[in-house]
Amino acid sequence: MRPFTKKEVSGIGIILSVILFLTAVNLRISLRKSRDAQRRSDISAISDALDKYQKDFGFFPPSTPDGKILACKGEYFGNIPENIPEGEKRNYFFKTLRGCNWGEDGLRDVNDDTLVPYLKTISNDPKADSGYSYLYMSDTNRYQLYAYLEGGSGEIGFRTGIVARDLPCGANICNFGKAYGDTPLEKSIEEYENEIGQK
């Protein structure tokens, strides 16, 4: 059996390099698509849990200024003075709560830990370690829930109107989301409710 010539070895090396390169590219695309599929699944699961929460309590959890779900026990939880007027109790109650941490806390009835949670753990973005995050906005009547899809306009659910709002999903601009009922994702809840009020 004759040994390979330099040209043959060089040709084999080039072919192997091309195969390795294409494999690496396809693997990266596959992993990205998998993360985006996970994001869509997470947003749907959180949305379903929020809908169940609203059915039980008559409102959605409010949002924190940094886009978390305000539904976890805070440092002063349970310390509601008796002399608070009835109409202000709910707002005071919200002040005893803190934003739930993505990927750590669950969505549950904070007044009864024995009940099954609406969501055992509120999912975190698959690339949270790289600065990616979900974003929650709510006025207790409606909510909007956003994520950033790495695949951009090529991914199912990508919306240019969301991008135009310039909302931060961590280190990126949100481009995907779900909302309560007919609440649009392309405008703020306040703007939408003002439009409804003018009709």
N, C-alpha and C. Protein backbone atom coordinates (compact mmCIF):
# COMPACT_ATOMS: atom_id res chain seq x y z
N MET A 1 0.85 -1.19 0.00
CA MET A 1 0.00 0.00 0.00
C MET A 1 0.89 1.24 0.00
N ARG A 2 0.66 2.12 -0.99
CA ARG A 2 1.52 3.28 -1.11
C ARG A 2 1.09 4.37 -0.13
N PRO A 3 2.03 5.17 0.38
CA PRO A 3 1.69 6.26 1.30
C PRO A 3 0.98 7.38 0.55
N PHE A 4 0.21 8.21 1.32
CA PHE A 4 -0.48 9.36 0.72
C PHE A 4 0.54 10.41 0.27
N THR A 5 0.23 11.05 -0.83
CA THR A 5 1.09 12.16 -1.28
C THR A 5 0.74 13.40 -0.48
N LYS A 6 1.60 14.43 -0.58
CA LYS A 6 1.34 15.69 0.15
C LYS A 6 0.04 16.32 -0.32
N LYS A 7 -0.26 16.21 -1.62
CA LYS A 7 -1.50 16.78 -2.14
C LYS A 7 -2.72 16.06 -1.56
N GLU A 8 -2.63 14.74 -1.46
CA GLU A 8 -3.75 13.96 -0.92
C GLU A 8 -3.96 14.27 0.56
N VAL A 9 -2.87 14.36 1.33
CA VAL A 9 -2.97 14.69 2.76
C VAL A 9 -3.57 16.07 2.93
N SER A 10 -3.11 17.01 2.09
CA SER A 10 -3.63 18.38 2.15
C SER A 10 -5.12 18.41 1.82
N GLY A 11 -5.53 17.64 0.80
CA GLY A 11 -6.95 17.58 0.41
C GLY A 11 -7.81 17.01 1.51
N ILE A 12 -7.32 15.92 2.13
CA ILE A 12 -8.07 15.31 3.25
C ILE A 12 -8.20 16.29 4.40
N GLY A 13 -7.11 17.03 4.68
CA GLY A 13 -7.13 18.02 5.76
C GLY A 13 -8.16 19.10 5.50
N ILE A 14 -8.24 19.56 4.25
CA ILE A 14 -9.21 20.60 3.90
C ILE A 14 -10.64 20.08 4.05
N ILE A 15 -10.87 18.86 3.57
CA ILE A 15 -12.21 18.27 3.68
C ILE A 15 -12.62 18.12 5.14
N LEU A 16 -11.71 17.61 5.98
CA LEU A 16 -12.01 17.45 7.41
C LEU A 16 -12.27 18.80 8.07
N SER A 17 -11.49 19.82 7.69
CA SER A 17 -11.68 21.16 8.26
C SER A 17 -13.06 21.71 7.91
N VAL A 18 -13.47 21.53 6.66
CA VAL A 18 -14.79 22.00 6.21
C VAL A 18 -15.89 21.28 6.97
N ILE A 19 -15.74 19.95 7.12
CA ILE A 19 -16.75 19.16 7.85
C ILE A 19 -16.84 19.62 9.30
N LEU A 20 -15.69 19.81 9.95
CA LEU A 20 -15.69 20.28 11.35
C LEU A 20 -16.31 21.66 11.48
N PHE A 21 -15.99 22.55 10.53
CA PHE A 21 -16.54 23.91 10.56
C PHE A 21 -18.06 23.87 10.42
N LEU A 22 -18.56 23.10 9.43
CA LEU A 22 -20.01 23.02 9.22
C LEU A 22 -20.72 22.38 10.41
N THR A 23 -20.08 21.38 11.01
CA THR A 23 -20.65 20.74 12.19
C THR A 23 -20.76 21.73 13.34
N ALA A 24 -19.71 22.52 13.55
CA ALA A 24 -19.71 23.52 14.62
C ALA A 24 -20.79 24.57 14.40
N VAL A 25 -20.92 25.03 13.13
CA VAL A 25 -21.94 26.03 12.80
C VAL A 25 -23.34 25.46 13.04
N ASN A 26 -23.58 24.25 12.58
CA ASN A 26 -24.89 23.62 12.76
C ASN A 26 -25.20 23.38 14.23
N LEU A 27 -24.19 23.03 15.01
CA LEU A 27 -24.38 22.82 16.44
C LEU A 27 -24.77 24.13 17.12
N ARG A 28 -24.10 25.22 16.76
CA ARG A 28 -24.42 26.54 17.33
C ARG A 28 -25.85 26.95 16.99
N ILE A 29 -26.25 26.73 15.73
CA ILE A 29 -27.61 27.08 15.29
C ILE A 29 -28.63 26.23 16.05
N SER A 30 -28.33 24.94 16.19
CA SER A 30 -29.22 24.03 16.90
C SER A 30 -29.39 24.43 18.36
N LEU A 31 -28.29 24.80 19.03
CA LEU A 31 -28.36 25.22 20.43
C LEU A 31 -29.14 26.52 20.57
N ARG A 32 -28.93 27.46 19.64
CA ARG A 32 -29.67 28.72 19.68
C ARG A 32 -31.16 28.48 19.51
N LYS A 33 -31.52 27.63 18.54
CA LYS A 33 -32.94 27.33 18.32
C LYS A 33 -33.55 26.65 19.53
N SER A 34 -32.78 25.81 20.17
CA SER A 34 -33.25 25.13 21.38
C SER A 34 -33.51 26.14 22.51
N ARG A 35 -32.60 27.10 22.66
CA ARG A 35 -32.79 28.13 23.70
C ARG A 35 -34.03 28.99 23.40
N ASP A 36 -34.23 29.34 22.13
CA ASP A 36 -35.40 30.15 21.78
C ASP A 36 -36.69 29.37 22.00
N ALA A 37 -36.67 28.07 21.71
CA ALA A 37 -37.85 27.23 21.96
C ALA A 37 -38.13 27.18 23.47
N GLN A 38 -37.06 27.11 24.27
CA GLN A 38 -37.21 27.11 25.73
C GLN A 38 -37.82 28.42 26.21
N ARG A 39 -37.39 29.53 25.61
CA ARG A 39 -37.94 30.84 25.99
C ARG A 39 -39.44 30.91 25.70
N ARG A 40 -39.85 30.44 24.53
CA ARG A 40 -41.28 30.45 24.20
C ARG A 40 -42.06 29.58 25.18
N SER A 41 -41.49 28.43 25.52
CA SER A 41 -42.14 27.52 26.47
C SER A 41 -42.22 28.16 27.87
N ASP A 42 -41.14 28.80 28.31
CA ASP A 42 -41.12 29.46 29.63
C ASP A 42 -42.18 30.55 29.71
N ILE A 43 -42.24 31.39 28.68
CA ILE A 43 -43.20 32.51 28.67
C ILE A 43 -44.63 31.98 28.71
N SER A 44 -44.90 30.89 27.99
CA SER A 44 -46.24 30.27 28.01
C SER A 44 -46.57 29.73 29.39
N ALA A 45 -45.61 29.06 30.03
CA ALA A 45 -45.84 28.48 31.36
C ALA A 45 -46.09 29.59 32.40
N ILE A 46 -45.30 30.66 32.35
CA ILE A 46 -45.48 31.77 33.29
C ILE A 46 -46.84 32.43 33.04
N SER A 47 -47.19 32.61 31.77
CA SER A 47 -48.47 33.21 31.40
C SER A 47 -49.64 32.38 31.92
N ASP A 48 -49.57 31.06 31.77
CA ASP A 48 -50.63 30.17 32.28
C ASP A 48 -50.75 30.29 33.79
N ALA A 49 -49.61 30.36 34.49
CA ALA A 49 -49.62 30.48 35.95
C ALA A 49 -50.23 31.82 36.38
N LEU A 50 -49.91 32.87 35.66
CA LEU A 50 -50.48 34.19 35.97
C LEU A 50 -51.99 34.20 35.79
N ASP A 51 -52.47 33.52 34.75
CA ASP A 51 -53.92 33.45 34.51
C ASP A 51 -54.62 32.71 35.65
N LYS A 52 -54.01 31.64 36.15
CA LYS A 52 -54.59 30.89 37.28
C LYS A 52 -54.58 31.75 38.54
N TYR A 53 -53.50 32.48 38.75
CA TYR A 53 -53.39 33.39 39.91
C TYR A 53 -54.52 34.42 39.86
N GLN A 54 -54.76 35.00 38.68
CA GLN A 54 -55.79 36.02 38.52
C GLN A 54 -57.18 35.45 38.77
N LYS A 55 -57.42 34.21 38.37
CA LYS A 55 -58.73 33.59 38.59
C LYS A 55 -59.01 33.44 40.08
N ASP A 56 -57.97 33.15 40.87
CA ASP A 56 -58.14 32.98 42.31
C ASP A 56 -58.23 34.30 43.07
N PHE A 57 -57.45 35.29 42.66
CA PHE A 57 -57.36 36.53 43.43
C PHE A 57 -58.08 37.72 42.81
N GLY A 58 -58.43 37.63 41.54
CA GLY A 58 -59.13 38.74 40.89
C GLY A 58 -58.21 39.82 40.35
N PHE A 59 -56.91 39.62 40.44
CA PHE A 59 -55.94 40.57 39.90
C PHE A 59 -54.65 39.83 39.59
N PHE A 60 -53.83 40.45 38.75
CA PHE A 60 -52.50 39.91 38.46
C PHE A 60 -51.50 40.53 39.43
N PRO A 61 -50.42 39.81 39.75
CA PRO A 61 -49.40 40.44 40.61
C PRO A 61 -48.87 41.69 39.91
N PRO A 62 -48.62 42.76 40.67
CA PRO A 62 -48.02 43.93 40.04
C PRO A 62 -46.58 43.62 39.63
N SER A 63 -45.97 44.56 38.93
CA SER A 63 -44.57 44.38 38.52
C SER A 63 -43.69 45.34 39.30
N THR A 64 -42.43 44.98 39.43
CA THR A 64 -41.46 45.85 40.07
C THR A 64 -40.86 46.77 39.01
N PRO A 65 -40.20 47.87 39.40
CA PRO A 65 -39.58 48.75 38.41
C PRO A 65 -38.56 48.05 37.51
N ASP A 66 -37.93 46.98 38.01
CA ASP A 66 -36.95 46.27 37.19
C ASP A 66 -37.54 45.06 36.45
N GLY A 67 -38.88 44.99 36.37
CA GLY A 67 -39.53 43.99 35.54
C GLY A 67 -39.69 42.60 36.12
N LYS A 68 -39.78 42.51 37.45
CA LYS A 68 -40.02 41.22 38.09
C LYS A 68 -41.49 41.14 38.54
N ILE A 69 -41.91 39.93 38.89
CA ILE A 69 -43.27 39.71 39.38
C ILE A 69 -43.28 39.98 40.88
N LEU A 70 -44.06 40.97 41.32
CA LEU A 70 -44.12 41.34 42.74
C LEU A 70 -45.11 40.41 43.45
N ALA A 71 -44.61 39.24 43.88
CA ALA A 71 -45.51 38.24 44.48
C ALA A 71 -44.81 37.34 45.48
N CYS A 72 -43.63 37.72 45.95
CA CYS A 72 -42.91 36.91 46.93
C CYS A 72 -42.79 37.65 48.25
N LYS A 73 -42.73 36.89 49.33
CA LYS A 73 -42.68 37.50 50.66
C LYS A 73 -41.46 38.38 50.84
N GLY A 74 -41.72 39.62 51.27
CA GLY A 74 -40.65 40.55 51.55
C GLY A 74 -40.25 40.49 53.02
N GLU A 75 -39.32 41.33 53.39
CA GLU A 75 -38.80 41.35 54.76
C GLU A 75 -39.88 41.66 55.79
N TYR A 76 -40.84 42.51 55.43
CA TYR A 76 -41.88 42.91 56.38
C TYR A 76 -43.23 42.28 56.07
N PHE A 77 -43.21 41.14 55.39
CA PHE A 77 -44.46 40.47 55.04
C PHE A 77 -45.28 40.15 56.29
N GLY A 78 -46.58 40.40 56.22
CA GLY A 78 -47.50 40.08 57.32
C GLY A 78 -47.68 41.19 58.32
N ASN A 79 -46.85 42.23 58.26
CA ASN A 79 -46.95 43.34 59.22
C ASN A 79 -47.86 44.44 58.68
N ILE A 80 -49.15 44.17 58.64
CA ILE A 80 -50.12 45.17 58.18
C ILE A 80 -50.86 45.72 59.39
N PRO A 81 -50.70 47.01 59.69
CA PRO A 81 -51.39 47.60 60.84
C PRO A 81 -52.90 47.48 60.72
N GLU A 82 -53.56 47.35 61.85
CA GLU A 82 -55.02 47.17 61.87
C GLU A 82 -55.77 48.43 61.46
N ASN A 83 -55.15 49.60 61.64
CA ASN A 83 -55.86 50.85 61.36
C ASN A 83 -55.80 51.30 59.90
N ILE A 84 -55.29 50.44 59.00
CA ILE A 84 -55.23 50.77 57.58
C ILE A 84 -56.66 50.74 57.01
N PRO A 85 -57.10 51.80 56.34
CA PRO A 85 -58.45 51.79 55.73
C PRO A 85 -58.60 50.61 54.77
N GLU A 86 -59.81 50.07 54.71
CA GLU A 86 -60.09 48.89 53.89
C GLU A 86 -59.66 49.07 52.44
N GLY A 87 -59.89 50.24 51.87
CA GLY A 87 -59.56 50.49 50.47
C GLY A 87 -58.07 50.55 50.19
N GLU A 88 -57.26 50.67 51.25
CA GLU A 88 -55.80 50.79 51.06
C GLU A 88 -55.05 49.51 51.44
N LYS A 89 -55.76 48.51 51.93
CA LYS A 89 -55.10 47.29 52.41
C LYS A 89 -54.33 46.55 51.32
N ARG A 90 -54.93 46.50 50.12
CA ARG A 90 -54.25 45.77 49.04
C ARG A 90 -52.94 46.45 48.68
N ASN A 91 -52.94 47.77 48.54
CA ASN A 91 -51.70 48.49 48.21
C ASN A 91 -50.67 48.35 49.31
N TYR A 92 -51.11 48.35 50.56
CA TYR A 92 -50.18 48.18 51.67
C TYR A 92 -49.60 46.76 51.65
N PHE A 93 -50.48 45.79 51.33
CA PHE A 93 -50.04 44.40 51.23
C PHE A 93 -48.93 44.26 50.19
N PHE A 94 -49.10 44.93 49.04
CA PHE A 94 -48.08 44.87 47.99
C PHE A 94 -46.73 45.39 48.50
N LYS A 95 -46.78 46.35 49.41
CA LYS A 95 -45.53 46.92 49.94
C LYS A 95 -44.77 45.93 50.81
N THR A 96 -45.44 44.88 51.27
CA THR A 96 -44.77 43.87 52.10
C THR A 96 -44.18 42.74 51.25
N LEU A 97 -44.36 42.87 49.93
CA LEU A 97 -43.85 41.85 49.02
C LEU A 97 -42.58 42.33 48.34
N ARG A 98 -41.87 41.40 47.72
CA ARG A 98 -40.69 41.74 46.92
C ARG A 98 -40.81 41.07 45.57
N GLY A 99 -40.00 41.52 44.63
CA GLY A 99 -39.99 40.91 43.31
C GLY A 99 -39.44 39.50 43.39
N CYS A 100 -40.12 38.57 42.75
CA CYS A 100 -39.66 37.18 42.74
C CYS A 100 -38.45 37.07 41.82
N ASN A 101 -37.44 36.33 42.26
CA ASN A 101 -36.23 36.15 41.47
C ASN A 101 -36.44 35.08 40.41
N TRP A 102 -36.15 35.45 39.17
CA TRP A 102 -36.25 34.49 38.07
C TRP A 102 -35.35 33.28 38.35
N GLY A 103 -35.89 32.11 38.15
CA GLY A 103 -35.10 30.89 38.30
C GLY A 103 -34.91 30.44 39.74
N GLU A 104 -35.45 31.16 40.70
CA GLU A 104 -35.28 30.80 42.12
C GLU A 104 -36.63 30.67 42.83
N ASP A 105 -37.45 31.69 42.74
CA ASP A 105 -38.72 31.72 43.47
C ASP A 105 -39.86 31.13 42.65
N GLY A 106 -40.90 30.72 43.36
CA GLY A 106 -42.10 30.22 42.71
C GLY A 106 -43.20 31.25 42.77
N LEU A 107 -44.27 31.00 42.03
CA LEU A 107 -45.47 31.84 42.08
C LEU A 107 -46.51 31.07 42.86
N ARG A 108 -46.87 31.62 44.03
CA ARG A 108 -47.78 30.89 44.92
C ARG A 108 -48.62 31.84 45.74
N ASP A 109 -49.56 31.29 46.50
CA ASP A 109 -50.35 32.07 47.45
C ASP A 109 -49.45 32.30 48.67
N VAL A 110 -48.98 33.53 48.85
CA VAL A 110 -48.04 33.80 49.95
C VAL A 110 -48.69 33.67 51.31
N ASN A 111 -50.02 33.67 51.37
CA ASN A 111 -50.72 33.55 52.65
C ASN A 111 -50.88 32.10 53.10
N ASP A 112 -50.60 31.14 52.21
CA ASP A 112 -50.76 29.73 52.58
C ASP A 112 -49.74 28.88 51.82
N ASP A 113 -48.62 28.60 52.48
CA ASP A 113 -47.54 27.83 51.85
C ASP A 113 -47.89 26.36 51.62
N THR A 114 -49.00 25.90 52.19
CA THR A 114 -49.38 24.49 52.02
C THR A 114 -50.06 24.24 50.68
N LEU A 115 -50.53 25.31 50.03
CA LEU A 115 -51.22 25.14 48.75
C LEU A 115 -50.22 24.86 47.62
N VAL A 116 -50.68 24.15 46.62
CA VAL A 116 -49.84 23.86 45.45
C VAL A 116 -49.52 25.18 44.74
N PRO A 117 -48.26 25.45 44.43
CA PRO A 117 -47.92 26.72 43.76
C PRO A 117 -48.46 26.77 42.34
N TYR A 118 -48.70 27.97 41.87
CA TYR A 118 -49.13 28.15 40.47
C TYR A 118 -47.97 27.78 39.54
N LEU A 119 -46.78 28.05 40.02
CA LEU A 119 -45.57 27.71 39.27
C LEU A 119 -44.48 27.46 40.31
N LYS A 120 -43.96 26.23 40.33
CA LYS A 120 -42.97 25.86 41.34
C LYS A 120 -41.75 26.77 41.30
N THR A 121 -41.26 27.05 40.10
CA THR A 121 -40.14 27.97 39.92
C THR A 121 -40.43 28.84 38.71
N ILE A 122 -40.36 30.16 38.88
CA ILE A 122 -40.55 31.08 37.76
C ILE A 122 -39.27 31.02 36.93
N SER A 123 -39.38 30.49 35.75
CA SER A 123 -38.21 30.24 34.90
C SER A 123 -37.34 31.47 34.67
N ASN A 124 -36.06 31.19 34.49
CA ASN A 124 -35.08 32.21 34.15
C ASN A 124 -34.68 32.01 32.69
N ASP A 125 -34.21 33.04 32.03
CA ASP A 125 -33.75 32.90 30.65
C ASP A 125 -32.61 31.89 30.59
N PRO A 126 -32.58 31.05 29.55
CA PRO A 126 -31.51 30.04 29.43
C PRO A 126 -30.10 30.63 29.43
N LYS A 127 -29.96 31.91 29.06
CA LYS A 127 -28.65 32.54 29.05
C LYS A 127 -28.59 33.68 30.08
N ALA A 128 -29.19 33.45 31.22
CA ALA A 128 -29.20 34.48 32.28
C ALA A 128 -27.77 34.84 32.70
N ASP A 129 -26.87 33.86 32.67
CA ASP A 129 -25.48 34.12 33.04
C ASP A 129 -24.79 35.08 32.09
N SER A 130 -25.36 35.25 30.89
CA SER A 130 -24.79 36.17 29.90
C SER A 130 -25.55 37.49 29.86
N GLY A 131 -26.43 37.71 30.84
CA GLY A 131 -27.15 38.98 30.93
C GLY A 131 -28.51 39.01 30.27
N TYR A 132 -29.03 37.86 29.82
CA TYR A 132 -30.36 37.80 29.23
C TYR A 132 -31.39 37.68 30.35
N SER A 133 -32.58 38.24 30.15
CA SER A 133 -33.60 38.19 31.20
C SER A 133 -34.99 38.32 30.61
N TYR A 134 -35.98 37.82 31.35
CA TYR A 134 -37.38 38.05 30.99
C TYR A 134 -37.81 39.37 31.60
N LEU A 135 -38.91 39.92 31.09
CA LEU A 135 -39.42 41.21 31.57
C LEU A 135 -40.92 41.11 31.78
N TYR A 136 -41.37 41.51 32.97
CA TYR A 136 -42.79 41.46 33.32
C TYR A 136 -43.30 42.86 33.62
N MET A 137 -44.45 43.21 33.05
CA MET A 137 -45.06 44.51 33.29
C MET A 137 -46.54 44.29 33.60
N SER A 138 -47.02 44.90 34.70
CA SER A 138 -48.42 44.71 35.07
C SER A 138 -48.93 45.86 35.93
N ASP A 139 -50.20 46.21 35.70
CA ASP A 139 -50.88 47.20 36.56
C ASP A 139 -51.94 46.51 37.41
N THR A 140 -51.88 45.22 37.53
CA THR A 140 -52.78 44.28 38.23
C THR A 140 -54.05 43.95 37.42
N ASN A 141 -54.41 44.78 36.44
CA ASN A 141 -55.57 44.47 35.58
C ASN A 141 -55.14 43.70 34.33
N ARG A 142 -53.93 43.98 33.88
CA ARG A 142 -53.38 43.36 32.68
C ARG A 142 -51.90 43.10 32.91
N TYR A 143 -51.33 42.27 32.06
CA TYR A 143 -49.88 42.08 32.14
C TYR A 143 -49.31 41.89 30.74
N GLN A 144 -48.01 42.15 30.64
CA GLN A 144 -47.22 41.87 29.45
C GLN A 144 -45.96 41.16 29.91
N LEU A 145 -45.56 40.14 29.17
CA LEU A 145 -44.41 39.32 29.54
C LEU A 145 -43.53 39.19 28.30
N TYR A 146 -42.26 39.58 28.45
CA TYR A 146 -41.38 39.67 27.29
C TYR A 146 -40.11 38.83 27.42
N ALA A 147 -39.52 38.51 26.26
CA ALA A 147 -38.25 37.79 26.19
C ALA A 147 -37.51 38.24 24.94
N TYR A 148 -36.23 37.88 24.88
CA TYR A 148 -35.41 38.15 23.71
C TYR A 148 -35.10 36.83 23.02
N LEU A 149 -35.49 36.72 21.74
CA LEU A 149 -35.17 35.53 20.95
C LEU A 149 -33.89 35.78 20.17
N GLU A 150 -32.91 34.92 20.36
CA GLU A 150 -31.61 35.09 19.70
C GLU A 150 -31.70 34.99 18.18
N GLY A 151 -32.66 34.23 17.69
CA GLY A 151 -32.80 34.04 16.25
C GLY A 151 -33.37 35.24 15.52
N GLY A 152 -33.79 36.26 16.27
CA GLY A 152 -34.31 37.48 15.66
C GLY A 152 -35.52 37.23 14.78
N SER A 153 -35.59 37.94 13.66
CA SER A 153 -36.77 37.89 12.79
C SER A 153 -37.01 36.51 12.19
N GLY A 154 -36.03 35.63 12.26
CA GLY A 154 -36.19 34.27 11.74
C GLY A 154 -36.90 33.34 12.70
N GLU A 155 -37.17 33.79 13.92
CA GLU A 155 -37.79 32.93 14.93
C GLU A 155 -39.30 33.13 15.00
N ILE A 156 -40.01 32.06 15.32
CA ILE A 156 -41.46 32.11 15.50
C ILE A 156 -41.78 33.03 16.68
N GLY A 157 -42.66 33.98 16.46
CA GLY A 157 -43.08 34.88 17.53
C GLY A 157 -42.36 36.22 17.56
N PHE A 158 -41.31 36.37 16.76
CA PHE A 158 -40.59 37.65 16.70
C PHE A 158 -41.55 38.73 16.23
N ARG A 159 -41.50 39.92 16.91
CA ARG A 159 -42.38 41.03 16.53
C ARG A 159 -41.61 42.33 16.49
N THR A 160 -41.62 42.94 15.31
CA THR A 160 -40.93 44.21 15.10
C THR A 160 -41.49 45.30 16.01
N GLY A 161 -42.81 45.27 16.24
CA GLY A 161 -43.45 46.28 17.09
C GLY A 161 -42.94 46.25 18.52
N ILE A 162 -42.57 45.06 19.01
CA ILE A 162 -42.00 44.95 20.36
C ILE A 162 -40.61 45.58 20.36
N VAL A 163 -39.83 45.29 19.33
CA VAL A 163 -38.47 45.84 19.23
C VAL A 163 -38.53 47.37 19.25
N ALA A 164 -39.54 47.94 18.58
CA ALA A 164 -39.68 49.40 18.51
C ALA A 164 -39.90 50.03 19.88
N ARG A 165 -40.41 49.27 20.83
CA ARG A 165 -40.62 49.81 22.18
C ARG A 165 -39.32 49.95 22.96
N ASP A 166 -38.27 49.26 22.50
CA ASP A 166 -36.94 49.37 23.11
C ASP A 166 -36.93 48.95 24.58
N LEU A 167 -37.64 47.87 24.89
CA LEU A 167 -37.71 47.37 26.26
C LEU A 167 -36.51 46.47 26.55
N PRO A 168 -35.91 46.58 27.74
CA PRO A 168 -34.72 45.77 28.04
C PRO A 168 -35.05 44.38 28.58
N CYS A 169 -34.67 43.37 27.83
CA CYS A 169 -34.73 41.99 28.33
C CYS A 169 -33.30 41.63 28.76
N GLY A 170 -32.87 42.25 29.84
CA GLY A 170 -31.49 42.12 30.27
C GLY A 170 -30.61 42.95 29.38
N ALA A 171 -29.60 42.32 28.80
CA ALA A 171 -28.63 43.03 27.96
C ALA A 171 -29.13 43.22 26.53
N ASN A 172 -30.31 42.74 26.21
CA ASN A 172 -30.84 42.81 24.85
C ASN A 172 -32.20 43.50 24.82
N ILE A 173 -32.65 43.84 23.63
CA ILE A 173 -33.96 44.46 23.45
C ILE A 173 -34.99 43.34 23.21
N CYS A 174 -36.07 43.37 23.97
CA CYS A 174 -37.11 42.35 23.84
C CYS A 174 -37.66 42.32 22.41
N ASN A 175 -38.01 41.11 21.94
CA ASN A 175 -38.60 40.99 20.60
C ASN A 175 -39.70 39.92 20.53
N PHE A 176 -40.10 39.41 21.69
CA PHE A 176 -41.13 38.37 21.76
C PHE A 176 -41.90 38.55 23.06
N GLY A 177 -43.18 38.18 23.05
CA GLY A 177 -43.92 38.31 24.30
C GLY A 177 -45.31 37.71 24.26
N LYS A 178 -45.94 37.71 25.43
CA LYS A 178 -47.33 37.29 25.60
C LYS A 178 -47.97 38.29 26.54
N ALA A 179 -49.27 38.47 26.37
CA ALA A 179 -49.99 39.42 27.22
C ALA A 179 -51.36 38.86 27.58
N TYR A 180 -51.98 39.49 28.56
CA TYR A 180 -53.31 39.08 28.99
C TYR A 180 -54.36 39.48 27.96
N GLY A 181 -55.17 38.53 27.56
CA GLY A 181 -56.30 38.82 26.67
C GLY A 181 -55.90 39.54 25.41
N ASP A 182 -56.58 40.67 25.16
CA ASP A 182 -56.33 41.44 23.93
C ASP A 182 -55.31 42.56 24.15
N THR A 183 -54.61 42.54 25.28
CA THR A 183 -53.61 43.57 25.55
C THR A 183 -52.51 43.51 24.50
N PRO A 184 -52.27 44.61 23.76
CA PRO A 184 -51.23 44.58 22.73
C PRO A 184 -49.84 44.60 23.36
N LEU A 185 -48.89 44.01 22.65
CA LEU A 185 -47.51 43.98 23.12
C LEU A 185 -46.71 45.17 22.60
N GLU A 186 -47.25 45.86 21.61
CA GLU A 186 -46.53 46.94 20.94
C GLU A 186 -46.70 48.30 21.62
N LYS A 187 -47.51 48.37 22.66
CA LYS A 187 -47.69 49.63 23.38
C LYS A 187 -47.82 49.35 24.87
N SER A 188 -47.65 50.39 25.68
CA SER A 188 -47.72 50.20 27.13
C SER A 188 -49.15 49.90 27.57
N ILE A 189 -49.28 49.26 28.72
CA ILE A 189 -50.60 48.96 29.28
C ILE A 189 -51.35 50.26 29.53
N GLU A 190 -50.67 51.25 30.07
CA GLU A 190 -51.30 52.54 30.37
C GLU A 190 -51.83 53.18 29.09
N GLU A 191 -51.04 53.16 28.04
CA GLU A 191 -51.46 53.74 26.76
C GLU A 191 -52.69 53.01 26.23
N TYR A 192 -52.68 51.69 26.33
CA TYR A 192 -53.81 50.89 25.83
C TYR A 192 -55.08 51.18 26.65
N GLU A 193 -54.96 51.25 27.97
CA GLU A 193 -56.13 51.50 28.81
C GLU A 193 -56.68 52.92 28.59
N ASN A 194 -55.79 53.86 28.29
CA ASN A 194 -56.26 55.23 27.96
C ASN A 194 -57.07 55.21 26.66
N GLU A 195 -56.62 54.42 25.69
CA GLU A 195 -57.34 54.31 24.43
C GLU A 195 -58.73 53.70 24.65
N ILE A 196 -58.79 52.67 25.50
CA ILE A 196 -60.08 52.02 25.79
C ILE A 196 -61.01 53.01 26.48
N GLY A 197 -60.46 53.80 27.41
CA GLY A 197 -61.26 54.77 28.15
C GLY A 197 -61.83 55.88 27.28
N GLN A 198 -61.17 56.16 26.18
CA GLN A 198 -61.64 57.23 25.28
C GLN A 198 -62.69 56.76 24.30
N LYS A 199 -62.91 55.44 24.22
CA LYS A 199 -63.91 54.91 23.26
C LYS A 199 -65.31 55.04 23.81
